[in-house]
Amino acid sequence: MVKLIALYTTPSEPDDFDRHFNAVHLPLLRAYPELRRLELTRIDGAPLGQARYRLMVELYFDDRTSMDRALASPEGRAVTRDLMSFAAPLVTVFSGTVRSEPGAS
């Protein structure tokens, strides 16, 4: 399994960001073809000081090929267009391979 991760720093207008994210961006994310799981984490603290990030979005796909197809799809292009229109300076996006370790739940 692979996942696409987006980390968002705190916007200058958090309420406007939340409204757009929930009303526009989140439905676009949910429309990704081959999406297996979507997790949102509202970051509310850090062990030392203030958290640099405000929101983490994790999109899970079966494999890299599935993720690449989703990103290249019309739905994926719509996500990218929207992301660049409202959060380009706030977001860092990267992907990784998910590995479960024995004993972890």
PDB file of N, CA and C in Angstrom:
ATOM      1  N   MET A   1       0.850  -1.169   0.000  1.00  0.00           N
ATOM      2  CA  MET A   1       0.000   0.000   0.000  1.00  0.00           C
ATOM      3  C   MET A   1       0.900   1.237   0.000  1.00  0.00           C
ATOM      4  N   VAL A   2       0.434   2.283  -0.695  1.00  0.00           N
ATOM      5  CA  VAL A   2       1.144   3.565  -0.695  1.00  0.00           C
ATOM      6  C   VAL A   2       0.171   4.645  -0.259  1.00  0.00           C
ATOM      7  N   LYS A   3       0.748   5.756   0.197  1.00  0.00           N
ATOM      8  CA  LYS A   3      -0.128   6.862   0.541  1.00  0.00           C
ATOM      9  C   LYS A   3       0.469   8.173   0.075  1.00  0.00           C
ATOM     10  N   LEU A   4      -0.422   9.072  -0.230  1.00  0.00           N
ATOM     11  CA  LEU A   4      -0.086  10.438  -0.580  1.00  0.00           C
ATOM     12  C   LEU A   4      -0.400  11.265   0.656  1.00  0.00           C
ATOM     13  N   ILE A   5       0.555  12.062   1.094  1.00  0.00           N
ATOM     14  CA  ILE A   5       0.420  12.828   2.327  1.00  0.00           C
ATOM     15  C   ILE A   5       0.507  14.308   2.002  1.00  0.00           C
ATOM     16  N   ALA A   6      -0.407  15.079   2.562  1.00  0.00           N
ATOM     17  CA  ALA A   6      -0.371  16.533   2.436  1.00  0.00           C
ATOM     18  C   ALA A   6      -0.334  17.124   3.836  1.00  0.00           C
ATOM     19  N   LEU A   7       0.680  17.943   4.093  1.00  0.00           N
ATOM     20  CA  LEU A   7       0.804  18.648   5.363  1.00  0.00           C
ATOM     21  C   LEU A   7       0.553  20.124   5.112  1.00  0.00           C
ATOM     22  N   TYR A   8      -0.368  20.703   5.879  1.00  0.00           N
ATOM     23  CA  TYR A   8      -0.742  22.098   5.727  1.00  0.00           C
ATOM     24  C   TYR A   8      -0.291  22.904   6.941  1.00  0.00           C
ATOM     25  N   THR A   9       0.406  24.000   6.706  1.00  0.00           N
ATOM     26  CA  THR A   9       0.732  24.919   7.784  1.00  0.00           C
ATOM     27  C   THR A   9      -0.516  25.735   8.118  1.00  0.00           C
ATOM     28  N   THR A  10      -0.453  26.489   9.187  1.00  0.00           N
ATOM     29  CA  THR A  10      -1.595  27.286   9.623  1.00  0.00           C
ATOM     30  C   THR A  10      -1.812  28.469   8.683  1.00  0.00           C
ATOM     31  N   PRO A  11      -3.001  28.577   8.105  1.00  0.00           N
ATOM     32  CA  PRO A  11      -3.283  29.697   7.203  1.00  0.00           C
ATOM     33  C   PRO A  11      -3.532  30.992   7.985  1.00  0.00           C
ATOM     34  N   SER A  12      -3.417  32.103   7.303  1.00  0.00           N
ATOM     35  CA  SER A  12      -3.665  33.397   7.959  1.00  0.00           C
ATOM     36  C   SER A  12      -5.144  33.571   8.294  1.00  0.00           C
ATOM     37  N   GLU A  13      -6.020  32.936   7.518  1.00  0.00           N
ATOM     38  CA  GLU A  13      -7.472  32.981   7.757  1.00  0.00           C
ATOM     39  C   GLU A  13      -7.992  31.551   7.945  1.00  0.00           C
ATOM     40  N   PRO A  14      -7.822  30.982   9.138  1.00  0.00           N
ATOM     41  CA  PRO A  14      -8.194  29.577   9.348  1.00  0.00           C
ATOM     42  C   PRO A  14      -9.659  29.249   9.034  1.00  0.00           C
ATOM     43  N   ASP A  15     -10.568  30.141   9.358  1.00  0.00           N
ATOM     44  CA  ASP A  15     -11.985  29.860   9.103  1.00  0.00           C
ATOM     45  C   ASP A  15     -12.269  29.773   7.606  1.00  0.00           C
ATOM     46  N   ASP A  16     -11.688  30.681   6.824  1.00  0.00           N
ATOM     47  CA  ASP A  16     -11.857  30.637   5.370  1.00  0.00           C
ATOM     48  C   ASP A  16     -11.254  29.359   4.795  1.00  0.00           C
ATOM     49  N   PHE A  17     -10.071  28.994   5.289  1.00  0.00           N
ATOM     50  CA  PHE A  17      -9.418  27.764   4.844  1.00  0.00           C
ATOM     51  C   PHE A  17     -10.320  26.570   5.139  1.00  0.00           C
ATOM     52  N   ASP A  18     -10.815  26.467   6.371  1.00  0.00           N
ATOM     53  CA  ASP A  18     -11.656  25.326   6.759  1.00  0.00           C
ATOM     54  C   ASP A  18     -12.914  25.250   5.904  1.00  0.00           C
ATOM     55  N   ARG A  19     -13.549  26.390   5.664  1.00  0.00           N
ATOM     56  CA  ARG A  19     -14.756  26.401   4.838  1.00  0.00           C
ATOM     57  C   ARG A  19     -14.467  25.857   3.444  1.00  0.00           C
ATOM     58  N   HIS A  20     -13.395  26.363   2.810  1.00  0.00           N
ATOM     59  CA  HIS A  20     -13.068  25.901   1.469  1.00  0.00           C
ATOM     60  C   HIS A  20     -12.660  24.427   1.484  1.00  0.00           C
ATOM     61  N   PHE A  21     -11.816  24.052   2.427  1.00  0.00           N
ATOM     62  CA  PHE A  21     -11.357  22.663   2.493  1.00  0.00           C
ATOM     63  C   PHE A  21     -12.549  21.715   2.612  1.00  0.00           C
ATOM     64  N   ASN A  22     -13.452  22.003   3.546  1.00  0.00           N
ATOM     65  CA  ASN A  22     -14.573  21.093   3.800  1.00  0.00           C
ATOM     66  C   ASN A  22     -15.625  21.109   2.705  1.00  0.00           C
ATOM     67  N   ALA A  23     -15.907  22.264   2.133  1.00  0.00           N
ATOM     68  CA  ALA A  23     -16.977  22.372   1.142  1.00  0.00           C
ATOM     69  C   ALA A  23     -16.528  22.020  -0.270  1.00  0.00           C
ATOM     70  N   VAL A  24     -15.259  22.302  -0.594  1.00  0.00           N
ATOM     71  CA  VAL A  24     -14.794  22.127  -1.970  1.00  0.00           C
ATOM     72  C   VAL A  24     -13.723  21.039  -2.089  1.00  0.00           C
ATOM     73  N   HIS A  25     -12.660  21.166  -1.305  1.00  0.00           N
ATOM     74  CA  HIS A  25     -11.509  20.290  -1.505  1.00  0.00           C
ATOM     75  C   HIS A  25     -11.764  18.849  -1.053  1.00  0.00           C
ATOM     76  N   LEU A  26     -12.373  18.696   0.099  1.00  0.00           N
ATOM     77  CA  LEU A  26     -12.614  17.344   0.616  1.00  0.00           C
ATOM     78  C   LEU A  26     -13.494  16.511  -0.328  1.00  0.00           C
ATOM     79  N   PRO A  27     -14.577  17.045  -0.881  1.00  0.00           N
ATOM     80  CA  PRO A  27     -15.336  16.253  -1.859  1.00  0.00           C
ATOM     81  C   PRO A  27     -14.504  15.869  -3.088  1.00  0.00           C
ATOM     82  N   LEU A  28     -13.599  16.755  -3.514  1.00  0.00           N
ATOM     83  CA  LEU A  28     -12.720  16.408  -4.637  1.00  0.00           C
ATOM     84  C   LEU A  28     -11.788  15.256  -4.263  1.00  0.00           C
ATOM     85  N   LEU A  29     -11.242  15.291  -3.053  1.00  0.00           N
ATOM     86  CA  LEU A  29     -10.367  14.204  -2.599  1.00  0.00           C
ATOM     87  C   LEU A  29     -11.115  12.876  -2.567  1.00  0.00           C
ATOM     88  N   ARG A  30     -12.334  12.917  -2.072  1.00  0.00           N
ATOM     89  CA  ARG A  30     -13.134  11.686  -1.963  1.00  0.00           C
ATOM     90  C   ARG A  30     -13.445  11.077  -3.333  1.00  0.00           C
ATOM     91  N   ALA A  31     -13.357  11.882  -4.388  1.00  0.00           N
ATOM     92  CA  ALA A  31     -13.675  11.406  -5.739  1.00  0.00           C
ATOM     93  C   ALA A  31     -12.500  10.739  -6.442  1.00  0.00           C
ATOM     94  N   TYR A  32     -11.305  10.739  -5.830  1.00  0.00           N
ATOM     95  CA  TYR A  32     -10.161  10.072  -6.462  1.00  0.00           C
ATOM     96  C   TYR A  32     -10.521   8.632  -6.815  1.00  0.00           C
ATOM     97  N   PRO A  33     -10.289   8.213  -8.052  1.00  0.00           N
ATOM     98  CA  PRO A  33     -10.495   6.792  -8.372  1.00  0.00           C
ATOM     99  C   PRO A  33      -9.448   5.940  -7.645  1.00  0.00           C
ATOM    100  N   GLU A  34      -9.854   4.756  -7.267  1.00  0.00           N
ATOM    101  CA  GLU A  34      -8.975   3.763  -6.626  1.00  0.00           C
ATOM    102  C   GLU A  34      -8.525   4.157  -5.222  1.00  0.00           C
ATOM    103  N   LEU A  35      -9.110   5.184  -4.645  1.00  0.00           N
ATOM    104  CA  LEU A  35      -8.787   5.583  -3.275  1.00  0.00           C
ATOM    105  C   LEU A  35      -9.309   4.524  -2.314  1.00  0.00           C
ATOM    106  N   ARG A  36      -8.447   4.025  -1.443  1.00  0.00           N
ATOM    107  CA  ARG A  36      -8.839   2.987  -0.480  1.00  0.00           C
ATOM    108  C   ARG A  36      -9.211   3.555   0.885  1.00  0.00           C
ATOM    109  N   ARG A  37      -8.542   4.608   1.292  1.00  0.00           N
ATOM    110  CA  ARG A  37      -8.807   5.187   2.616  1.00  0.00           C
ATOM    111  C   ARG A  37      -8.362   6.638   2.603  1.00  0.00           C
ATOM    112  N   LEU A  38      -9.080   7.453   3.338  1.00  0.00           N
ATOM    113  CA  LEU A  38      -8.764   8.869   3.487  1.00  0.00           C
ATOM    114  C   LEU A  38      -8.765   9.173   4.974  1.00  0.00           C
ATOM    115  N   GLU A  39      -7.653   9.710   5.475  1.00  0.00           N
ATOM    116  CA  GLU A  39      -7.566  10.081   6.884  1.00  0.00           C
ATOM    117  C   GLU A  39      -7.210  11.554   6.995  1.00  0.00           C
ATOM    118  N   LEU A  40      -7.909  12.248   7.887  1.00  0.00           N
ATOM    119  CA  LEU A  40      -7.621  13.641   8.184  1.00  0.00           C
ATOM    120  C   LEU A  40      -7.192  13.730   9.642  1.00  0.00           C
ATOM    121  N   THR A  41      -6.103  14.412   9.887  1.00  0.00           N
ATOM    122  CA  THR A  41      -5.631  14.618  11.253  1.00  0.00           C
ATOM    123  C   THR A  41      -5.512  16.105  11.508  1.00  0.00           C
ATOM    124  N   ARG A  42      -6.325  16.605  12.442  1.00  0.00           N
ATOM    125  CA  ARG A  42      -6.217  17.996  12.861  1.00  0.00           C
ATOM    126  C   ARG A  42      -5.103  18.033  13.903  1.00  0.00           C
ATOM    127  N   ILE A  43      -4.033  18.711  13.597  1.00  0.00           N
ATOM    128  CA  ILE A  43      -2.875  18.754  14.489  1.00  0.00           C
ATOM    129  C   ILE A  43      -3.135  19.821  15.545  1.00  0.00           C
ATOM    130  N   ASP A  44      -3.119  19.373  16.806  1.00  0.00           N
ATOM    131  CA  ASP A  44      -3.477  20.296  17.883  1.00  0.00           C
ATOM    132  C   ASP A  44      -2.380  20.474  18.928  1.00  0.00           C
ATOM    133  N   GLY A  45      -1.195  19.986  18.623  1.00  0.00           N
ATOM    134  CA  GLY A  45      -0.103  20.178  19.567  1.00  0.00           C
ATOM    135  C   GLY A  45       1.162  19.493  19.104  1.00  0.00           C
ATOM    136  N   ALA A  46       2.222  19.759  19.841  1.00  0.00           N
ATOM    137  CA  ALA A  46       3.525  19.154  19.583  1.00  0.00           C
ATOM    138  C   ALA A  46       4.199  18.922  20.934  1.00  0.00           C
ATOM    139  N   PRO A  47       5.059  17.905  21.029  1.00  0.00           N
ATOM    140  CA  PRO A  47       5.719  17.632  22.310  1.00  0.00           C
ATOM    141  C   PRO A  47       6.549  18.813  22.818  1.00  0.00           C
ATOM    142  N   LEU A  48       7.147  19.552  21.905  1.00  0.00           N
ATOM    143  CA  LEU A  48       7.981  20.690  22.296  1.00  0.00           C
ATOM    144  C   LEU A  48       7.520  21.944  21.560  1.00  0.00           C
ATOM    145  N   GLY A  49       6.811  22.809  22.247  1.00  0.00           N
ATOM    146  CA  GLY A  49       6.395  24.056  21.621  1.00  0.00           C
ATOM    147  C   GLY A  49       5.164  23.912  20.763  1.00  0.00           C
ATOM    148  N   GLN A  50       5.029  24.844  19.847  1.00  0.00           N
ATOM    149  CA  GLN A  50       3.864  24.908  18.974  1.00  0.00           C
ATOM    150  C   GLN A  50       4.078  24.067  17.720  1.00  0.00           C
ATOM    151  N   ALA A  51       3.025  23.408  17.275  1.00  0.00           N
ATOM    152  CA  ALA A  51       3.102  22.592  16.061  1.00  0.00           C
ATOM    153  C   ALA A  51       3.256  23.490  14.836  1.00  0.00           C
ATOM    154  N   ARG A  52       4.099  23.078  13.920  1.00  0.00           N
ATOM    155  CA  ARG A  52       4.305  23.824  12.678  1.00  0.00           C
ATOM    156  C   ARG A  52       3.143  23.615  11.716  1.00  0.00           C
ATOM    157  N   TYR A  53       2.508  22.451  11.807  1.00  0.00           N
ATOM    158  CA  TYR A  53       1.441  22.106  10.879  1.00  0.00           C
ATOM    159  C   TYR A  53       0.088  22.135  11.575  1.00  0.00           C
ATOM    160  N   ARG A  54      -0.947  22.334  10.771  1.00  0.00           N
ATOM    161  CA  ARG A  54      -2.313  22.413  11.272  1.00  0.00           C
ATOM    162  C   ARG A  54      -3.159  21.219  10.857  1.00  0.00           C
ATOM    163  N   LEU A  55      -2.866  20.658   9.675  1.00  0.00           N
ATOM    164  CA  LEU A  55      -3.680  19.575   9.143  1.00  0.00           C
ATOM    165  C   LEU A  55      -2.807  18.601   8.367  1.00  0.00           C
ATOM    166  N   MET A  56      -3.090  17.309   8.520  1.00  0.00           N
ATOM    167  CA  MET A  56      -2.441  16.277   7.721  1.00  0.00           C
ATOM    168  C   MET A  56      -3.535  15.459   7.037  1.00  0.00           C
ATOM    169  N   VAL A  57      -3.381  15.290   5.731  1.00  0.00           N
ATOM    170  CA  VAL A  57      -4.307  14.487   4.939  1.00  0.00           C
ATOM    171  C   VAL A  57      -3.529  13.308   4.387  1.00  0.00           C
ATOM    172  N   GLU A  58      -4.058  12.101   4.572  1.00  0.00           N
ATOM    173  CA  GLU A  58      -3.415  10.884   4.072  1.00  0.00           C
ATOM    174  C   GLU A  58      -4.398  10.148   3.167  1.00  0.00           C
ATOM    175  N   LEU A  59      -3.965   9.904   1.942  1.00  0.00           N
ATOM    176  CA  LEU A  59      -4.764   9.217   0.931  1.00  0.00           C
ATOM    177  C   LEU A  59      -4.081   7.891   0.609  1.00  0.00           C
ATOM    178  N   TYR A  60      -4.765   6.788   0.826  1.00  0.00           N
ATOM    179  CA  TYR A  60      -4.185   5.458   0.656  1.00  0.00           C
ATOM    180  C   TYR A  60      -4.641   4.819  -0.653  1.00  0.00           C
ATOM    181  N   PHE A  61      -3.687   4.199  -1.334  1.00  0.00           N
ATOM    182  CA  PHE A  61      -3.939   3.479  -2.586  1.00  0.00           C
ATOM    183  C   PHE A  61      -3.272   2.108  -2.499  1.00  0.00           C
ATOM    184  N   ASP A  62      -3.761   1.144  -3.301  1.00  0.00           N
ATOM    185  CA  ASP A  62      -3.200  -0.214  -3.265  1.00  0.00           C
ATOM    186  C   ASP A  62      -1.711  -0.245  -3.594  1.00  0.00           C
ATOM    187  N   ASP A  63      -1.316   0.531  -4.591  1.00  0.00           N
ATOM    188  CA  ASP A  63       0.084   0.516  -5.025  1.00  0.00           C
ATOM    189  C   ASP A  63       0.393   1.818  -5.768  1.00  0.00           C
ATOM    190  N   ARG A  64       1.635   1.992  -6.130  1.00  0.00           N
ATOM    191  CA  ARG A  64       2.077   3.231  -6.795  1.00  0.00           C
ATOM    192  C   ARG A  64       1.372   3.422  -8.134  1.00  0.00           C
ATOM    193  N   THR A  65       1.132   2.336  -8.865  1.00  0.00           N
ATOM    194  CA  THR A  65       0.451   2.440 -10.150  1.00  0.00           C
ATOM    195  C   THR A  65      -0.965   2.981  -9.973  1.00  0.00           C
ATOM    196  N   SER A  66      -1.670   2.490  -8.973  1.00  0.00           N
ATOM    197  CA  SER A  66      -3.022   2.981  -8.683  1.00  0.00           C
ATOM    198  C   SER A  66      -2.995   4.457  -8.315  1.00  0.00           C
ATOM    199  N   MET A  67      -2.034   4.834  -7.489  1.00  0.00           N
ATOM    200  CA  MET A  67      -1.921   6.235  -7.091  1.00  0.00           C
ATOM    201  C   MET A  67      -1.609   7.117  -8.299  1.00  0.00           C
ATOM    202  N   ASP A  68      -0.682   6.675  -9.130  1.00  0.00           N
ATOM    203  CA  ASP A  68      -0.322   7.455 -10.316  1.00  0.00           C
ATOM    204  C   ASP A  68      -1.515   7.625 -11.251  1.00  0.00           C
ATOM    205  N   ARG A  69      -2.316   6.562 -11.413  1.00  0.00           N
ATOM    206  CA  ARG A  69      -3.519   6.669 -12.250  1.00  0.00           C
ATOM    207  C   ARG A  69      -4.501   7.672 -11.649  1.00  0.00           C
ATOM    208  N   ALA A  70      -4.665   7.621 -10.342  1.00  0.00           N
ATOM    209  CA  ALA A  70      -5.579   8.551  -9.670  1.00  0.00           C
ATOM    210  C   ALA A  70      -5.115   9.993  -9.846  1.00  0.00           C
ATOM    211  N   LEU A  71      -3.819  10.227  -9.675  1.00  0.00           N
ATOM    212  CA  LEU A  71      -3.288  11.587  -9.805  1.00  0.00           C
ATOM    213  C   LEU A  71      -3.428  12.123 -11.228  1.00  0.00           C
ATOM    214  N   ALA A  72      -3.313  11.240 -12.206  1.00  0.00           N
ATOM    215  CA  ALA A  72      -3.395  11.648 -13.613  1.00  0.00           C
ATOM    216  C   ALA A  72      -4.831  11.725 -14.129  1.00  0.00           C
ATOM    217  N   SER A  73      -5.776  11.253 -13.360  1.00  0.00           N
ATOM    218  CA  SER A  73      -7.177  11.226 -13.785  1.00  0.00           C
ATOM    219  C   SER A  73      -7.760  12.642 -13.814  1.00  0.00           C
ATOM    220  N   PRO A  74      -8.909  12.806 -14.450  1.00  0.00           N
ATOM    221  CA  PRO A  74      -9.584  14.113 -14.400  1.00  0.00           C
ATOM    222  C   PRO A  74      -9.859  14.560 -12.959  1.00  0.00           C
ATOM    223  N   GLU A  75     -10.224  13.604 -12.101  1.00  0.00           N
ATOM    224  CA  GLU A  75     -10.461  13.933 -10.690  1.00  0.00           C
ATOM    225  C   GLU A  75      -9.179  14.400 -10.012  1.00  0.00           C
ATOM    226  N   GLY A  76      -8.080  13.741 -10.322  1.00  0.00           N
ATOM    227  CA  GLY A  76      -6.793  14.126  -9.760  1.00  0.00           C
ATOM    228  C   GLY A  76      -6.357  15.506 -10.221  1.00  0.00           C
ATOM    229  N   ARG A  77      -6.583  15.797 -11.482  1.00  0.00           N
ATOM    230  CA  ARG A  77      -6.245  17.128 -11.998  1.00  0.00           C
ATOM    231  C   ARG A  77      -7.111  18.200 -11.340  1.00  0.00           C
ATOM    232  N   ALA A  78      -8.368  17.880 -11.051  1.00  0.00           N
ATOM    233  CA  ALA A  78      -9.256  18.822 -10.367  1.00  0.00           C
ATOM    234  C   ALA A  78      -8.761  19.090  -8.947  1.00  0.00           C
ATOM    235  N   VAL A  79      -8.288  18.048  -8.266  1.00  0.00           N
ATOM    236  CA  VAL A  79      -7.729  18.221  -6.918  1.00  0.00           C
ATOM    237  C   VAL A  79      -6.531  19.159  -6.975  1.00  0.00           C
ATOM    238  N   THR A  80      -5.632  18.929  -7.919  1.00  0.00           N
ATOM    239  CA  THR A  80      -4.429  19.750  -8.027  1.00  0.00           C
ATOM    240  C   THR A  80      -4.771  21.205  -8.327  1.00  0.00           C
ATOM    241  N   ARG A  81      -5.683  21.433  -9.261  1.00  0.00           N
ATOM    242  CA  ARG A  81      -6.091  22.804  -9.588  1.00  0.00           C
ATOM    243  C   ARG A  81      -6.647  23.510  -8.350  1.00  0.00           C
ATOM    244  N   ASP A  82      -7.523  22.819  -7.637  1.00  0.00           N
ATOM    245  CA  ASP A  82      -8.116  23.429  -6.449  1.00  0.00           C
ATOM    246  C   ASP A  82      -7.063  23.682  -5.374  1.00  0.00           C
ATOM    247  N   LEU A  83      -6.202  22.714  -5.146  1.00  0.00           N
ATOM    248  CA  LEU A  83      -5.155  22.863  -4.136  1.00  0.00           C
ATOM    249  C   LEU A  83      -4.294  24.087  -4.421  1.00  0.00           C
ATOM    250  N   MET A  84      -3.900  24.264  -5.664  1.00  0.00           N
ATOM    251  CA  MET A  84      -3.060  25.406  -6.029  1.00  0.00           C
ATOM    252  C   MET A  84      -3.812  26.722  -5.917  1.00  0.00           C
ATOM    253  N   SER A  85      -5.136  26.681  -6.030  1.00  0.00           N
ATOM    254  CA  SER A  85      -5.913  27.920  -5.965  1.00  0.00           C
ATOM    255  C   SER A  85      -6.113  28.427  -4.543  1.00  0.00           C
ATOM    256  N   PHE A  86      -6.087  27.539  -3.547  1.00  0.00           N
ATOM    257  CA  PHE A  86      -6.373  28.011  -2.193  1.00  0.00           C
ATOM    258  C   PHE A  86      -5.293  27.705  -1.160  1.00  0.00           C
ATOM    259  N   ALA A  87      -4.347  26.814  -1.470  1.00  0.00           N
ATOM    260  CA  ALA A  87      -3.398  26.424  -0.424  1.00  0.00           C
ATOM    261  C   ALA A  87      -1.969  26.231  -0.905  1.00  0.00           C
ATOM    262  N   ALA A  88      -1.627  26.703  -2.079  1.00  0.00           N
ATOM    263  CA  ALA A  88      -0.275  26.461  -2.618  1.00  0.00           C
ATOM    264  C   ALA A  88       0.843  26.842  -1.647  1.00  0.00           C
ATOM    265  N   PRO A  89       0.797  28.010  -1.003  1.00  0.00           N
ATOM    266  CA  PRO A  89       1.912  28.357  -0.111  1.00  0.00           C
ATOM    267  C   PRO A  89       1.877  27.629   1.234  1.00  0.00           C
ATOM    268  N   LEU A  90       0.793  26.919   1.503  1.00  0.00           N
ATOM    269  CA  LEU A  90       0.619  26.279   2.810  1.00  0.00           C
ATOM    270  C   LEU A  90       0.939  24.796   2.833  1.00  0.00           C
ATOM    271  N   VAL A  91       0.994  24.165   1.666  1.00  0.00           N
ATOM    272  CA  VAL A  91       0.991  22.704   1.626  1.00  0.00           C
ATOM    273  C   VAL A  91       2.322  22.123   1.158  1.00  0.00           C
ATOM    274  N   THR A  92       2.670  20.994   1.763  1.00  0.00           N
ATOM    275  CA  THR A  92       3.774  20.144   1.316  1.00  0.00           C
ATOM    276  C   THR A  92       3.163  18.784   1.034  1.00  0.00           C
ATOM    277  N   VAL A  93       3.415  18.252  -0.158  1.00  0.00           N
ATOM    278  CA  VAL A  93       2.827  16.967  -0.560  1.00  0.00           C
ATOM    279  C   VAL A  93       3.950  15.990  -0.884  1.00  0.00           C
ATOM    280  N   PHE A  94       3.821  14.759  -0.392  1.00  0.00           N
ATOM    281  CA  PHE A  94       4.795  13.709  -0.679  1.00  0.00           C
ATOM    282  C   PHE A  94       4.104  12.363  -0.573  1.00  0.00           C
ATOM    283  N   SER A  95       4.776  11.315  -1.011  1.00  0.00           N
ATOM    284  CA  SER A  95       4.192   9.980  -0.959  1.00  0.00           C
ATOM    285  C   SER A  95       5.167   9.018  -0.304  1.00  0.00           C
ATOM    286  N   GLY A  96       4.635   7.877   0.114  1.00  0.00           N
ATOM    287  CA  GLY A  96       5.481   6.870   0.728  1.00  0.00           C
ATOM    288  C   GLY A  96       4.828   5.505   0.703  1.00  0.00           C
ATOM    289  N   THR A  97       5.631   4.498   0.922  1.00  0.00           N
ATOM    290  CA  THR A  97       5.165   3.118   1.004  1.00  0.00           C
ATOM    291  C   THR A  97       4.840   2.807   2.457  1.00  0.00           C
ATOM    292  N   VAL A  98       3.695   2.215   2.677  1.00  0.00           N
ATOM    293  CA  VAL A  98       3.237   1.884   4.025  1.00  0.00           C
ATOM    294  C   VAL A  98       3.752   0.495   4.382  1.00  0.00           C
ATOM    295  N   ARG A  99       4.347   0.385   5.569  1.00  0.00           N
ATOM    296  CA  ARG A  99       4.842  -0.898   6.062  1.00  0.00           C
ATOM    297  C   ARG A  99       4.360  -1.061   7.504  1.00  0.00           C
ATOM    298  N   SER A 100       3.714  -2.169   7.785  1.00  0.00           N
ATOM    299  CA  SER A 100       3.274  -2.454   9.150  1.00  0.00           C
ATOM    300  C   SER A 100       4.334  -3.272   9.848  1.00  0.00           C
ATOM    301  N   GLU A 101       4.556  -2.947  11.094  1.00  0.00           N
ATOM    302  CA  GLU A 101       5.544  -3.653  11.904  1.00  0.00           C
ATOM    303  C   GLU A 101       4.836  -4.628  12.847  1.00  0.00           C
ATOM    304  N   PRO A 102       5.423  -5.802  13.057  1.00  0.00           N
ATOM    305  CA  PRO A 102       4.840  -6.768  13.996  1.00  0.00           C
ATOM    306  C   PRO A 102       4.730  -6.147  15.394  1.00  0.00           C
ATOM    307  N   GLY A 103       3.614  -6.456  16.054  1.00  0.00           N
ATOM    308  CA  GLY A 103       3.427  -5.966  17.409  1.00  0.00           C
ATOM    309  C   GLY A 103       2.778  -4.620  17.481  1.00  0.00           C
ATOM    310  N   ALA A 104       2.694  -3.921  16.393  1.00  0.00           N
ATOM    311  CA  ALA A 104       2.027  -2.618  16.380  1.00  0.00           C
ATOM    312  C   ALA A 104       0.562  -2.825  16.038  1.00  0.00           C
ATOM    313  N   SER A 105      -0.295  -2.056  16.651  1.00  0.00           N
ATOM    314  CA  SER A 105      -1.729  -2.210  16.346  1.00  0.00           C
ATOM    315  C   SER A 105      -2.260  -1.009  15.634  1.00  0.00           C
TER     316      SER A 105
END
